[in-house]
Amino acid sequence: MNTPDPSILSDIVKTKMPFGKYKNVLICDLPENYLEWFKSVGFPQGRLGMMLSTMYEIRLNGLTDLLSQLKKIHRNP
């Protein structure tokens, strides 16, 4: 069983997509259809895959408000 990593949410709001159609877009701002596409073809390995799959689950379950405060903190330090 994997241990949850509490820093993943913080990373989601400050990490930009490193490649592809949405290169340089924050993970938290990626469109839902792009996350769904990754779900269908498989998320990348490693930390990026973890961030993308977590963001997919957040969107799927309507929990994007969880990121609102973190976005404010990281955009206005």
C-alpha atoms as a PDB file:
ATOM      1  CA  MET A   1       0.000   0.000   0.000  1.00  0.00           C
ATOM      2  CA  ASN A   2       1.307   3.441  -0.926  1.00  0.00           C
ATOM      3  CA  THR A   3       1.659   6.081   1.762  1.00  0.00           C
ATOM      4  CA  PRO A   4      -0.054   9.363   0.786  1.00  0.00           C
ATOM      5  CA  ASP A   5       2.318  12.233   0.115  1.00  0.00           C
ATOM      6  CA  PRO A   6       0.936  15.485   1.566  1.00  0.00           C
ATOM      7  CA  SER A   7       3.184  17.629  -0.652  1.00  0.00           C
ATOM      8  CA  ILE A   8       1.484  16.359  -3.815  1.00  0.00           C
ATOM      9  CA  LEU A   9      -1.297  18.973  -3.600  1.00  0.00           C
ATOM     10  CA  SER A  10       1.221  21.765  -3.234  1.00  0.00           C
ATOM     11  CA  ASP A  11       3.152  20.459  -6.234  1.00  0.00           C
ATOM     12  CA  ILE A  12      -0.028  20.258  -8.332  1.00  0.00           C
ATOM     13  CA  VAL A  13      -0.597  24.015  -8.003  1.00  0.00           C
ATOM     14  CA  LYS A  14       2.994  25.039  -8.737  1.00  0.00           C
ATOM     15  CA  THR A  15       4.244  22.509 -11.316  1.00  0.00           C
ATOM     16  CA  LYS A  16       3.807  23.100 -15.043  1.00  0.00           C
ATOM     17  CA  MET A  17       3.209  20.361 -17.574  1.00  0.00           C
ATOM     18  CA  PRO A  18       6.658  19.666 -19.063  1.00  0.00           C
ATOM     19  CA  PHE A  19       5.566  18.488 -22.527  1.00  0.00           C
ATOM     20  CA  GLY A  20       2.761  18.082 -25.018  1.00  0.00           C
ATOM     21  CA  LYS A  21      -0.171  20.202 -26.086  1.00  0.00           C
ATOM     22  CA  TYR A  22      -0.423  21.864 -22.670  1.00  0.00           C
ATOM     23  CA  LYS A  23       3.283  22.398 -22.050  1.00  0.00           C
ATOM     24  CA  ASN A  24       3.848  25.130 -19.408  1.00  0.00           C
ATOM     25  CA  VAL A  25       0.254  24.956 -18.096  1.00  0.00           C
ATOM     26  CA  LEU A  26      -0.010  24.333 -14.357  1.00  0.00           C
ATOM     27  CA  ILE A  27      -1.112  20.782 -13.553  1.00  0.00           C
ATOM     28  CA  CYS A  28      -4.073  22.196 -11.592  1.00  0.00           C
ATOM     29  CA  ASP A  29      -5.213  24.126 -14.686  1.00  0.00           C
ATOM     30  CA  LEU A  30      -5.110  21.258 -17.183  1.00  0.00           C
ATOM     31  CA  PRO A  31      -8.444  20.628 -18.894  1.00  0.00           C
ATOM     32  CA  GLU A  32     -10.481  17.664 -17.733  1.00  0.00           C
ATOM     33  CA  ASN A  33     -10.486  16.035 -21.168  1.00  0.00           C
ATOM     34  CA  TYR A  34      -6.652  15.998 -21.179  1.00  0.00           C
ATOM     35  CA  LEU A  35      -6.619  14.263 -17.790  1.00  0.00           C
ATOM     36  CA  GLU A  36      -9.217  11.785 -19.061  1.00  0.00           C
ATOM     37  CA  TRP A  37      -7.018  11.087 -22.067  1.00  0.00           C
ATOM     38  CA  PHE A  38      -4.073  10.292 -19.778  1.00  0.00           C
ATOM     39  CA  LYS A  39      -6.343   8.009 -17.762  1.00  0.00           C
ATOM     40  CA  SER A  40      -7.223   6.079 -20.932  1.00  0.00           C
ATOM     41  CA  VAL A  41      -3.658   5.737 -22.256  1.00  0.00           C
ATOM     42  CA  GLY A  42      -1.875   5.530 -18.919  1.00  0.00           C
ATOM     43  CA  PHE A  43      -0.310   8.154 -16.709  1.00  0.00           C
ATOM     44  CA  PRO A  44       3.464   8.699 -16.945  1.00  0.00           C
ATOM     45  CA  GLN A  45       5.685   7.027 -14.381  1.00  0.00           C
ATOM     46  CA  GLY A  46       7.023   8.864 -11.357  1.00  0.00           C
ATOM     47  CA  ARG A  47       6.042  12.104  -9.692  1.00  0.00           C
ATOM     48  CA  LEU A  48       4.426  13.617 -12.794  1.00  0.00           C
ATOM     49  CA  GLY A  49       2.146  10.608 -13.180  1.00  0.00           C
ATOM     50  CA  MET A  50       1.194  10.849  -9.517  1.00  0.00           C
ATOM     51  CA  MET A  51       0.326  14.538  -9.888  1.00  0.00           C
ATOM     52  CA  LEU A  52      -1.720  13.939 -13.043  1.00  0.00           C
ATOM     53  CA  SER A  53      -3.626  10.998 -11.577  1.00  0.00           C
ATOM     54  CA  THR A  54      -4.303  12.937  -8.369  1.00  0.00           C
ATOM     55  CA  MET A  55      -5.599  15.890 -10.374  1.00  0.00           C
ATOM     56  CA  TYR A  56      -7.790  13.524 -12.375  1.00  0.00           C
ATOM     57  CA  GLU A  57      -9.307  12.147  -9.151  1.00  0.00           C
ATOM     58  CA  ILE A  58      -9.817  15.649  -7.767  1.00  0.00           C
ATOM     59  CA  ARG A  59     -11.705  16.684 -10.919  1.00  0.00           C
ATOM     60  CA  LEU A  60     -13.628  13.406 -11.130  1.00  0.00           C
ATOM     61  CA  ASN A  61     -14.898  13.821  -7.573  1.00  0.00           C
ATOM     62  CA  GLY A  62     -15.639  17.552  -7.794  1.00  0.00           C
ATOM     63  CA  LEU A  63     -12.992  18.501  -5.245  1.00  0.00           C
ATOM     64  CA  THR A  64     -11.238  21.342  -7.052  1.00  0.00           C
ATOM     65  CA  ASP A  65     -12.097  23.696  -4.180  1.00  0.00           C
ATOM     66  CA  LEU A  66      -9.417  21.844  -2.197  1.00  0.00           C
ATOM     67  CA  LEU A  67      -6.820  23.566  -4.356  1.00  0.00           C
ATOM     68  CA  SER A  68      -8.238  27.111  -4.191  1.00  0.00           C
ATOM     69  CA  GLN A  69      -6.383  28.199  -1.058  1.00  0.00           C
ATOM     70  CA  LEU A  70      -3.134  26.564  -2.187  1.00  0.00           C
ATOM     71  CA  LYS A  71      -3.377  28.359  -5.540  1.00  0.00           C
ATOM     72  CA  LYS A  72      -3.723  31.701  -3.749  1.00  0.00           C
ATOM     73  CA  ILE A  73      -0.729  30.991  -1.515  1.00  0.00           C
ATOM     74  CA  HIS A  74       1.535  29.971  -4.413  1.00  0.00           C
ATOM     75  CA  ARG A  75       0.465  32.754  -6.781  1.00  0.00           C
ATOM     76  CA  ASN A  76       0.788  35.521  -4.174  1.00  0.00           C
ATOM     77  CA  PRO A  77       3.717  34.565  -1.912  1.00  0.00           C
END
